[in-house]
Amino acid sequence: MRASAFDPPAIPAGFWERADVCQALRTRDMGTLFRLLRQYAGLSQTRIGTAVGLGQGRTSEIANGTRRVAATHVFERIAGGLGMPDTARVQLGLSPRHAVPPRPAASSAARITDIELLRQITAARSIDSTVVQALQGETDTIRLLDRRLGAPAVAAKLEAHISHLEICLRYSLRPGNRQQVASVLADASALAGWQAIDMGRLPRAWEHFERATAAAREAGDSSLLGFAGGEQAYVLLDLHRPAEALAMIRAAYTETSAAVPHQLRAWMHAAEAEMAAAAGQERTCRTALDQAFTEISHGPSGQDLPYLALNETHLTRWRGNCLVLFGDPETAGELSTALSAMDSDFTRAEAGLRCDLAAAFHVRGEKDQARLHLTRARELAHVTGSARQRRRIRDLASKIAKAA
């Protein structure tokens, strides 16, 4: 029987294993995926559009990079239309279609399983404070690369690191070792959650944060628990549910604030201010910012909180990010001061700061300055592959164009 034009196209299995295809899936870059389908699978834009249920114009815009896919249901439609295997779906941040079949219960398979279990338990005995320190060091290295190069550059490395940590935790028998490994796992999972948010993979981000909070509870680490819970609220914020995000960050603060350092309390107050700003609650926002500056006056975060990079410069940047939504005339000056004092390691954060500066200068009517910072923000967001920042930049550019 002749295949219908509406059937999934015949794509070689090897296509989904290509490194450039996997990278496009992990970053949810459908434009690159469509171009690779044309290059290596011989599919025309018309054939792709027909398969995934998108019009020719929209398919062309996506392939040319002038439009990006953001909605989960569209990613589902693309995955289904192209007949993506489960390995590709998972990289795209979607659930697999087929459950993994149970392993056969034959005696030989059982013996292999027993041997493997004993091997894993024996290997876990070698985990001590030196090994835990090395595992934490790997997380910190990935964190540094993430700040400079962006999430897509290190996301796969971090996923592999987390898988290793989960195995270490699963087979560790000593309570003290389990707590230490759980602490590293919570930190790495929270970092992965933020990376997933940055790449626009919100369902995957939620999974990472759920793992992070569970590991933090096993570790008995209130700081990691508060931090992971606070970052998880950003998933709700990016889902345009600011009121629920605000409630979530407040719950995290209530549960952990009595047992965490001043610097983390400052971070949670600043996050609360950002959620309140998104909800249009200016008074609540300003009160939370004042509380954050009071807490940070006790000093910046130290080596015991490697996941928390917060000082007065970062907090000033955060304040500007919040108050620019209310058209505060002082915002541009505060943000300019923060930019001049900012550490060059934080490439992605600089992209966000320059986006805020563009908005602030636009409010003040300084169009040339707004255009300058928006252009630089776009360049930095491209370098780091930040889908989140690119979305913010597109939204601001659209508002500026409408105002003009």
Protein backbone atom coordinates (compact mmCIF):
# COMPACT_ATOMS: atom_id res chain seq x y z
CA MET A 1 0.00 0.00 0.00
CA ARG A 2 1.30 3.44 -0.91
CA ALA A 3 2.20 5.58 2.13
CA SER A 4 0.06 8.63 2.79
CA ALA A 5 1.66 12.08 2.80
CA PHE A 6 0.24 12.44 6.29
CA ASP A 7 2.04 9.36 7.65
CA PRO A 8 5.25 9.86 9.67
CA PRO A 9 8.13 10.20 7.17
CA ALA A 10 10.69 7.41 6.87
CA ILE A 11 13.63 8.75 8.85
CA PRO A 12 16.70 6.49 9.31
CA ALA A 13 17.17 5.40 12.94
CA GLY A 14 20.76 6.62 12.82
CA PHE A 15 19.55 10.19 12.25
CA TRP A 16 18.31 10.48 15.85
CA GLU A 17 21.71 9.40 17.16
CA ARG A 18 23.68 12.15 15.41
CA ALA A 19 25.43 14.54 17.83
CA ASP A 20 24.04 17.66 16.11
CA VAL A 21 20.51 16.22 16.20
CA CYS A 22 20.83 15.34 19.89
CA GLN A 23 22.06 18.86 20.61
CA ALA A 24 19.08 20.36 18.76
CA LEU A 25 16.71 18.16 20.77
CA ARG A 26 18.29 18.99 24.13
CA THR A 27 18.09 22.73 23.42
CA ARG A 28 14.62 22.38 21.84
CA ASP A 29 15.90 24.11 18.70
CA MET A 30 13.32 22.99 16.17
CA GLY A 31 14.73 25.29 13.48
CA THR A 32 18.02 23.41 13.52
CA LEU A 33 16.18 20.07 13.68
CA PHE A 34 14.12 20.94 10.58
CA ARG A 35 17.27 21.96 8.68
CA LEU A 36 19.01 18.73 9.68
CA LEU A 37 15.99 16.73 8.53
CA ARG A 38 16.29 18.37 5.14
CA GLN A 39 20.06 17.87 4.98
CA TYR A 40 20.33 14.28 6.17
CA ALA A 41 16.86 12.77 5.70
CA GLY A 42 15.97 14.56 2.46
CA LEU A 43 12.68 15.99 3.78
CA SER A 44 11.34 19.16 2.25
CA GLN A 45 9.75 21.87 4.39
CA THR A 46 6.40 20.93 2.86
CA ARG A 47 6.84 17.29 3.89
CA ILE A 48 7.91 18.28 7.41
CA GLY A 49 5.01 20.70 7.79
CA THR A 50 2.51 18.10 6.58
CA ALA A 51 3.88 15.48 8.98
CA VAL A 52 3.82 17.69 12.06
CA GLY A 53 0.62 19.57 11.28
CA LEU A 54 2.14 23.03 10.76
CA GLY A 55 1.42 25.38 7.90
CA GLN A 56 4.04 26.03 5.24
CA GLY A 57 4.60 29.60 6.44
CA ARG A 58 5.12 28.65 10.05
CA THR A 59 7.36 25.70 9.14
CA SER A 60 9.49 28.04 7.04
CA GLU A 61 9.75 30.58 9.88
CA ILE A 62 10.87 27.89 12.30
CA ALA A 63 13.41 26.48 9.85
CA ASN A 64 14.79 29.98 9.16
CA GLY A 65 15.08 30.81 12.87
CA THR A 66 12.59 33.68 12.84
CA ARG A 67 10.11 31.80 15.02
CA ARG A 68 10.75 29.42 17.93
CA VAL A 69 8.53 26.67 19.27
CA ALA A 70 7.66 27.15 22.95
CA ALA A 71 4.39 25.30 23.63
CA THR A 72 4.58 21.73 24.93
CA HIS A 73 1.68 20.58 22.77
CA VAL A 74 3.55 21.72 19.65
CA PHE A 75 6.64 19.75 20.68
CA GLU A 76 4.34 16.74 21.18
CA ARG A 77 2.89 17.26 17.71
CA ILE A 78 6.35 17.48 16.15
CA ALA A 79 7.58 14.37 17.99
CA GLY A 80 4.51 12.39 16.99
CA GLY A 81 4.51 13.60 13.41
CA LEU A 82 8.14 12.68 12.89
CA GLY A 83 7.78 9.34 14.64
CA MET A 84 10.53 10.16 17.13
CA PRO A 85 11.85 7.19 19.08
CA ASP A 86 11.61 7.39 22.87
CA THR A 87 15.31 8.25 23.23
CA ALA A 88 14.75 11.35 21.11
CA ARG A 89 11.52 12.24 22.93
CA VAL A 90 13.28 12.15 26.30
CA GLN A 91 16.05 14.44 25.03
CA LEU A 92 13.34 16.83 23.87
CA GLY A 93 11.92 16.84 27.40
CA LEU A 94 8.87 14.70 26.59
CA SER A 95 7.70 11.49 28.19
CA PRO A 96 8.49 8.23 26.36
CA ARG A 97 5.55 6.57 24.62
CA HIS A 98 6.49 3.01 25.51
CA ALA A 99 7.23 1.66 28.98
CA VAL A 100 10.41 -0.33 29.45
CA PRO A 101 9.43 -4.03 29.38
CA PRO A 102 10.11 -6.02 32.54
CA ARG A 103 13.27 -8.09 32.60
CA PRO A 104 12.81 -11.84 32.14
CA ALA A 105 12.57 -13.85 35.34
CA ALA A 106 14.84 -16.67 34.16
CA SER A 107 17.30 -18.02 36.71
CA SER A 108 20.34 -16.95 34.65
CA ALA A 109 19.04 -13.38 34.50
CA ALA A 110 18.41 -13.48 38.25
CA ARG A 111 21.96 -14.62 38.87
CA ILE A 112 23.32 -11.79 36.73
CA THR A 113 21.17 -9.33 38.64
CA ASP A 114 22.42 -10.62 41.97
CA ILE A 115 26.03 -10.35 40.83
CA GLU A 116 25.50 -6.82 39.59
CA LEU A 117 23.77 -5.84 42.83
CA LEU A 118 26.68 -7.14 44.89
CA ARG A 119 29.12 -5.30 42.64
CA GLN A 120 27.30 -2.00 43.08
CA ILE A 121 27.07 -2.40 46.86
CA THR A 122 30.75 -3.31 47.07
CA ALA A 123 31.72 -0.33 44.91
CA ALA A 124 29.66 2.00 47.11
CA ARG A 125 31.75 1.00 50.12
CA SER A 126 34.68 2.95 48.67
CA ILE A 127 32.75 6.22 48.94
CA ASP A 128 34.25 8.36 51.69
CA SER A 129 34.69 12.06 52.36
CA THR A 130 37.45 12.29 49.71
CA VAL A 131 35.20 10.78 47.03
CA VAL A 132 32.29 13.00 48.09
CA GLN A 133 34.57 16.04 47.83
CA ALA A 134 35.55 14.99 44.31
CA LEU A 135 31.89 14.55 43.34
CA GLN A 136 31.06 18.00 44.71
CA GLY A 137 34.05 19.40 42.83
CA GLU A 138 32.63 18.05 39.57
CA THR A 139 29.32 19.77 40.30
CA ASP A 140 31.13 23.05 40.98
CA THR A 141 33.12 22.76 37.74
CA ILE A 142 29.93 22.23 35.74
CA ARG A 143 28.39 25.21 37.55
CA LEU A 144 31.28 27.46 36.49
CA LEU A 145 31.02 26.29 32.87
CA ASP A 146 27.25 26.82 32.98
CA ARG A 147 27.70 30.43 34.09
CA ARG A 148 30.20 31.19 31.36
CA LEU A 149 29.12 29.01 28.44
CA GLY A 150 25.43 28.41 29.10
CA ALA A 151 23.28 25.38 29.86
CA PRO A 152 23.34 23.63 26.44
CA ALA A 153 27.13 23.31 26.61
CA VAL A 154 27.10 21.26 29.82
CA ALA A 155 23.57 19.86 30.19
CA ALA A 156 24.49 16.36 28.97
CA LYS A 157 27.55 16.25 31.25
CA LEU A 158 25.41 17.24 34.23
CA GLU A 159 22.77 14.60 33.43
CA ALA A 160 25.49 11.91 33.39
CA HIS A 161 26.89 13.23 36.68
CA ILE A 162 23.44 13.06 38.29
CA SER A 163 22.94 9.47 37.08
CA HIS A 164 26.24 8.50 38.72
CA LEU A 165 25.24 10.23 41.96
CA GLU A 166 21.90 8.42 42.00
CA ILE A 167 23.71 5.07 41.69
CA CYS A 168 26.11 6.03 44.48
CA LEU A 169 23.19 6.95 46.73
CA ARG A 170 21.10 3.91 45.86
CA TYR A 171 23.77 1.43 46.91
CA SER A 172 25.35 3.27 49.85
CA LEU A 173 24.75 1.45 53.13
CA ARG A 174 26.34 3.81 55.66
CA PRO A 175 23.96 6.57 56.83
CA GLY A 176 26.72 9.18 56.99
CA ASN A 177 27.81 8.45 53.43
CA ARG A 178 24.23 8.53 52.20
CA GLN A 179 23.69 11.98 53.66
CA GLN A 180 26.84 13.35 52.05
CA VAL A 181 26.02 11.88 48.64
CA ALA A 182 22.41 13.06 48.95
CA SER A 183 23.68 16.59 49.57
CA VAL A 184 25.76 16.54 46.37
CA LEU A 185 22.82 15.06 44.45
CA ALA A 186 20.49 17.81 45.71
CA ASP A 187 22.94 20.50 44.61
CA ALA A 188 23.50 18.95 41.17
CA SER A 189 19.77 18.37 40.63
CA ALA A 190 18.91 21.97 41.54
CA LEU A 191 21.54 23.15 39.03
CA ALA A 192 20.05 20.85 36.38
CA GLY A 193 16.60 22.21 37.18
CA TRP A 194 17.74 25.77 36.60
CA GLN A 195 19.44 24.73 33.36
CA ALA A 196 16.21 23.13 32.18
CA ILE A 197 14.32 26.34 32.97
CA ASP A 198 16.91 28.30 31.01
CA MET A 199 16.48 25.98 28.03
CA GLY A 200 12.68 26.20 28.22
CA ARG A 201 12.22 22.57 29.31
CA LEU A 202 9.82 23.16 32.18
CA PRO A 203 8.50 19.60 32.68
CA ARG A 204 12.09 18.35 32.94
CA ALA A 205 12.95 21.20 35.32
CA TRP A 206 10.11 20.17 37.64
CA GLU A 207 11.46 16.60 37.74
CA HIS A 208 14.95 17.83 38.63
CA PHE A 209 13.64 20.00 41.45
CA GLU A 210 11.52 17.17 42.84
CA ARG A 211 14.66 15.04 42.99
CA ALA A 212 16.62 17.92 44.52
CA THR A 213 14.14 18.50 47.34
CA ALA A 214 13.88 14.76 48.10
CA ALA A 215 17.67 14.46 48.23
CA ALA A 216 17.96 17.59 50.39
CA ARG A 217 15.50 16.09 52.88
CA GLU A 218 17.52 12.86 53.06
CA ALA A 219 20.68 14.91 53.54
CA GLY A 220 18.99 16.90 56.31
CA ASP A 221 20.21 20.09 54.63
CA SER A 222 17.77 22.96 55.19
CA SER A 223 19.77 25.33 52.99
CA LEU A 224 19.62 23.07 49.95
CA LEU A 225 15.95 22.35 50.66
CA GLY A 226 15.07 26.04 50.75
CA PHE A 227 17.15 26.83 47.67
CA ALA A 228 15.74 23.97 45.57
CA GLY A 229 12.18 24.77 46.64
CA GLY A 230 12.69 28.44 45.83
CA GLU A 231 14.11 27.69 42.39
CA GLN A 232 11.23 25.31 41.68
CA ALA A 233 8.88 28.28 42.06
CA TYR A 234 10.43 29.71 38.89
CA VAL A 235 8.86 26.88 36.92
CA LEU A 236 5.47 28.24 37.96
CA LEU A 237 6.61 31.77 37.14
CA ASP A 238 7.60 30.74 33.62
CA LEU A 239 4.23 29.00 33.30
CA HIS A 240 2.70 32.45 33.92
CA ARG A 241 1.38 31.50 37.37
CA PRO A 242 3.02 34.23 39.50
CA ALA A 243 0.56 33.98 42.40
CA GLU A 244 1.26 30.27 42.80
CA ALA A 245 4.99 30.91 42.43
CA LEU A 246 4.78 33.52 45.18
CA ALA A 247 2.99 31.07 47.46
CA MET A 248 5.63 28.42 46.78
CA ILE A 249 8.63 30.63 47.59
CA ARG A 250 6.90 31.77 50.78
CA ALA A 251 6.30 28.15 51.78
CA ALA A 252 9.98 27.36 51.21
CA TYR A 253 10.96 30.35 53.35
CA THR A 254 8.56 29.41 56.15
CA GLU A 255 9.85 25.84 56.27
CA THR A 256 13.58 26.61 56.24
CA SER A 257 14.30 30.23 57.22
CA ALA A 258 14.96 29.50 60.90
CA ALA A 259 17.78 27.08 60.02
CA VAL A 260 19.53 28.78 57.07
CA PRO A 261 22.20 31.53 56.80
CA HIS A 262 21.42 35.21 56.25
CA GLN A 263 22.57 34.99 52.63
CA LEU A 264 20.03 32.32 51.73
CA ARG A 265 17.26 34.25 53.47
CA ALA A 266 18.28 37.25 51.35
CA TRP A 267 18.03 35.10 48.22
CA MET A 268 14.55 33.87 49.14
CA HIS A 269 13.35 37.42 49.88
CA ALA A 270 14.69 38.57 46.49
CA ALA A 271 12.95 35.66 44.76
CA GLU A 272 9.75 36.60 46.57
CA ALA A 273 10.15 40.16 45.29
CA GLU A 274 10.48 38.89 41.72
CA MET A 275 7.34 36.76 42.04
CA ALA A 276 5.46 39.70 43.57
CA ALA A 277 6.60 42.00 40.75
CA ALA A 278 5.32 39.52 38.17
CA ALA A 279 2.01 39.43 40.07
CA GLY A 280 1.82 43.25 40.01
CA GLN A 281 2.18 43.60 43.80
CA GLU A 282 4.54 46.58 44.03
CA ARG A 283 4.33 47.14 47.79
CA THR A 284 5.01 43.47 48.53
CA CYS A 285 7.87 43.55 46.04
CA ARG A 286 9.56 46.58 47.64
CA THR A 287 9.14 45.19 51.15
CA ALA A 288 10.74 41.89 50.15
CA LEU A 289 13.64 43.73 48.49
CA ASP A 290 14.25 45.78 51.65
CA GLN A 291 14.32 42.55 53.66
CA ALA A 292 16.77 41.03 51.20
CA PHE A 293 19.19 43.96 51.52
CA THR A 294 18.95 43.76 55.31
CA GLU A 295 19.89 40.08 55.25
CA ILE A 296 22.73 40.49 52.73
CA SER A 297 24.30 43.22 54.87
CA HIS A 298 25.62 40.40 57.07
CA GLY A 299 28.05 39.50 54.27
CA PRO A 300 28.14 37.57 50.95
CA SER A 301 27.64 33.83 50.66
CA GLY A 302 30.68 31.70 51.44
CA GLN A 303 32.21 28.40 50.41
CA ASP A 304 29.58 26.50 52.38
CA LEU A 305 26.95 27.71 49.86
CA PRO A 306 28.66 27.16 46.47
CA TYR A 307 25.34 27.17 44.65
CA LEU A 308 24.46 30.65 45.91
CA ALA A 309 26.23 33.54 44.19
CA LEU A 310 24.73 36.57 45.90
CA ASN A 311 26.24 39.85 47.02
CA GLU A 312 25.11 43.48 46.96
CA THR A 313 25.96 43.81 43.25
CA HIS A 314 23.83 40.81 42.31
CA LEU A 315 21.06 42.01 44.60
CA THR A 316 21.12 45.47 42.99
CA ARG A 317 20.74 43.77 39.61
CA TRP A 318 17.85 41.76 41.01
CA ARG A 319 16.21 44.89 42.39
CA GLY A 320 16.39 46.51 38.96
CA ASN A 321 14.91 43.43 37.34
CA CYS A 322 11.90 43.72 39.68
CA LEU A 323 11.34 47.46 39.71
CA VAL A 324 11.72 47.96 35.96
CA LEU A 325 8.29 46.32 35.70
CA PHE A 326 6.83 49.29 37.59
CA GLY A 327 8.63 51.94 35.50
CA ASP A 328 10.81 53.12 38.42
CA PRO A 329 12.92 56.07 37.07
CA GLU A 330 15.90 55.17 39.29
CA THR A 331 16.21 51.70 37.85
CA ALA A 332 18.52 52.59 34.95
CA GLY A 333 21.11 54.14 37.25
CA GLU A 334 21.07 51.20 39.67
CA LEU A 335 21.37 48.69 36.85
CA SER A 336 24.26 50.61 35.26
CA THR A 337 26.09 50.53 38.60
CA ALA A 338 25.48 46.80 38.89
CA LEU A 339 26.77 46.21 35.35
CA SER A 340 30.03 48.04 36.01
CA ALA A 341 30.67 45.95 39.14
CA MET A 342 29.56 42.62 37.70
CA ASP A 343 31.86 39.58 37.59
CA SER A 344 32.62 38.56 34.00
CA ASP A 345 31.97 34.89 34.88
CA PHE A 346 28.21 35.46 34.82
CA THR A 347 27.60 35.65 31.07
CA ARG A 348 23.96 34.58 31.18
CA ALA A 349 23.22 36.92 34.09
CA GLU A 350 24.75 39.80 32.12
CA ALA A 351 22.36 39.05 29.26
CA GLY A 352 19.44 39.43 31.68
CA LEU A 353 20.90 42.58 33.19
CA ARG A 354 21.33 44.22 29.80
CA CYS A 355 17.77 43.28 28.87
CA ASP A 356 16.60 45.04 32.04
CA LEU A 357 18.78 48.04 31.19
CA ALA A 358 17.22 48.23 27.74
CA ALA A 359 13.76 48.26 29.34
CA ALA A 360 14.81 50.92 31.86
CA PHE A 361 16.31 53.22 29.23
CA HIS A 362 13.25 52.72 27.05
CA VAL A 363 11.06 53.92 29.93
CA ARG A 364 13.28 57.01 30.24
CA GLY A 365 12.99 57.69 26.50
CA GLU A 366 16.71 57.06 25.83
CA LYS A 367 16.17 54.98 22.71
CA ASP A 368 19.81 54.71 21.58
CA GLN A 369 20.92 53.35 24.96
CA ALA A 370 17.99 50.95 25.01
CA ARG A 371 18.88 49.67 21.53
CA LEU A 372 22.56 49.30 22.47
CA HIS A 373 21.87 47.16 25.53
CA LEU A 374 19.21 45.10 23.79
CA THR A 375 21.64 44.24 21.00
CA ARG A 376 24.34 43.20 23.47
CA ALA A 377 21.81 41.17 25.47
CA ARG A 378 20.82 39.33 22.30
CA GLU A 379 24.47 38.52 21.54
CA LEU A 380 25.10 37.17 25.04
CA ALA A 381 21.89 35.11 25.04
CA HIS A 382 23.00 33.57 21.75
CA VAL A 383 26.43 32.71 23.20
CA THR A 384 24.91 30.94 26.21
CA GLY A 385 22.03 29.36 24.29
CA SER A 386 19.55 30.73 26.83
CA ALA A 387 16.04 30.20 25.51
CA ARG A 388 14.67 32.00 28.57
CA GLN A 389 16.69 35.16 27.95
CA ARG A 390 15.98 35.08 24.22
CA ARG A 391 12.27 34.97 25.00
CA ARG A 392 12.59 37.99 27.32
CA ILE A 393 14.54 39.87 24.66
CA ARG A 394 11.97 39.09 21.96
CA ASP A 395 9.13 40.24 24.22
CA LEU A 396 10.92 43.50 25.04
CA ALA A 397 11.85 44.15 21.43
CA SER A 398 8.20 43.65 20.48
CA LYS A 399 7.05 46.13 23.16
CA ILE A 400 9.59 48.71 22.03
CA ALA A 401 8.54 48.29 18.40
CA LYS A 402 4.86 48.74 19.32
CA ALA A 403 5.66 51.84 21.36
CA ALA A 404 7.58 53.31 18.43
